[in-house]
Amino acid sequence: MAEIKIEKKKPVWPWVAVLLVIAGIIYYIYFCDHTVHNENSVEIENTTSAQ
């Protein structure tokens, strides 16, 4: 009689976790605000009036 080799199904959840991490990185890169907020770059409004 012939021997039948049965392979166990590999888990899918590690691939799902990797895809979620990659999606999170892409979301962070494209959708987060990357502007630097510097306290020294405050604009001063000119309140003097030249009449």
C-alpha atoms as a PDB file:
ATOM      1  CA  MET A   1       0.000   0.000   0.000  1.00  0.00           C
ATOM      2  CA  ALA A   2       1.235   3.508  -0.806  1.00  0.00           C
ATOM      3  CA  GLU A   3       2.071   5.952   1.934  1.00  0.00           C
ATOM      4  CA  ILE A   4       0.106   9.217   1.813  1.00  0.00           C
ATOM      5  CA  LYS A   5       1.934  12.226   3.222  1.00  0.00           C
ATOM      6  CA  ILE A   6      -0.355  14.743   4.887  1.00  0.00           C
ATOM      7  CA  GLU A   7       1.003  18.224   5.572  1.00  0.00           C
ATOM      8  CA  LYS A   8      -0.500  20.294   8.327  1.00  0.00           C
ATOM      9  CA  LYS A   9      -2.024  23.605   7.315  1.00  0.00           C
ATOM     10  CA  LYS A  10       0.285  26.495   8.224  1.00  0.00           C
ATOM     11  CA  PRO A  11      -1.220  29.212  10.445  1.00  0.00           C
ATOM     12  CA  VAL A  12      -2.434  32.379   8.741  1.00  0.00           C
ATOM     13  CA  TRP A  13      -2.466  34.717  11.778  1.00  0.00           C
ATOM     14  CA  PRO A  14       1.262  35.655  11.578  1.00  0.00           C
ATOM     15  CA  TRP A  15       0.667  37.019   8.069  1.00  0.00           C
ATOM     16  CA  VAL A  16      -2.378  38.939   9.271  1.00  0.00           C
ATOM     17  CA  ALA A  17      -0.295  40.475  12.066  1.00  0.00           C
ATOM     18  CA  VAL A  18       2.445  41.487   9.599  1.00  0.00           C
ATOM     19  CA  LEU A  19      -0.117  43.107   7.284  1.00  0.00           C
ATOM     20  CA  LEU A  20      -1.632  45.054  10.193  1.00  0.00           C
ATOM     21  CA  VAL A  21       1.792  46.348  11.212  1.00  0.00           C
ATOM     22  CA  ILE A  22       2.565  47.426   7.638  1.00  0.00           C
ATOM     23  CA  ALA A  23      -0.837  49.115   7.358  1.00  0.00           C
ATOM     24  CA  GLY A  24      -0.179  50.956  10.625  1.00  0.00           C
ATOM     25  CA  ILE A  25       3.178  52.209   9.374  1.00  0.00           C
ATOM     26  CA  ILE A  26       1.651  53.400   6.094  1.00  0.00           C
ATOM     27  CA  TYR A  27      -1.144  55.153   8.000  1.00  0.00           C
ATOM     28  CA  TYR A  28       1.384  56.894  10.245  1.00  0.00           C
ATOM     29  CA  ILE A  29       3.528  58.046   7.326  1.00  0.00           C
ATOM     30  CA  TYR A  30       0.746  59.382   5.120  1.00  0.00           C
ATOM     31  CA  PHE A  31      -1.981  60.581   7.467  1.00  0.00           C
ATOM     32  CA  CYS A  32      -0.240  61.987  10.546  1.00  0.00           C
ATOM     33  CA  ASP A  33       0.764  65.628  10.819  1.00  0.00           C
ATOM     34  CA  HIS A  34       4.540  65.817  10.518  1.00  0.00           C
ATOM     35  CA  THR A  35       4.952  69.572  10.930  1.00  0.00           C
ATOM     36  CA  VAL A  36       7.343  70.698  13.622  1.00  0.00           C
ATOM     37  CA  HIS A  37       5.766  73.023  16.142  1.00  0.00           C
ATOM     38  CA  ASN A  38       8.443  75.432  17.233  1.00  0.00           C
ATOM     39  CA  GLU A  39       7.640  77.896  20.004  1.00  0.00           C
ATOM     40  CA  ASN A  40      10.257  80.343  18.713  1.00  0.00           C
ATOM     41  CA  SER A  41       8.499  80.851  15.391  1.00  0.00           C
ATOM     42  CA  VAL A  42       5.545  82.848  16.722  1.00  0.00           C
ATOM     43  CA  GLU A  43       4.370  85.637  14.445  1.00  0.00           C
ATOM     44  CA  ILE A  44       3.853  88.996  16.078  1.00  0.00           C
ATOM     45  CA  GLU A  45       0.861  90.959  14.881  1.00  0.00           C
ATOM     46  CA  ASN A  46       1.518  94.583  14.040  1.00  0.00           C
ATOM     47  CA  THR A  47      -0.846  96.591  16.238  1.00  0.00           C
ATOM     48  CA  THR A  48       0.517 100.053  15.539  1.00  0.00           C
ATOM     49  CA  SER A  49      -1.492 102.137  13.145  1.00  0.00           C
ATOM     50  CA  ALA A  50       0.141 104.639  10.857  1.00  0.00           C
ATOM     51  CA  GLN A  51      -2.248 107.581  10.372  1.00  0.00           C
END
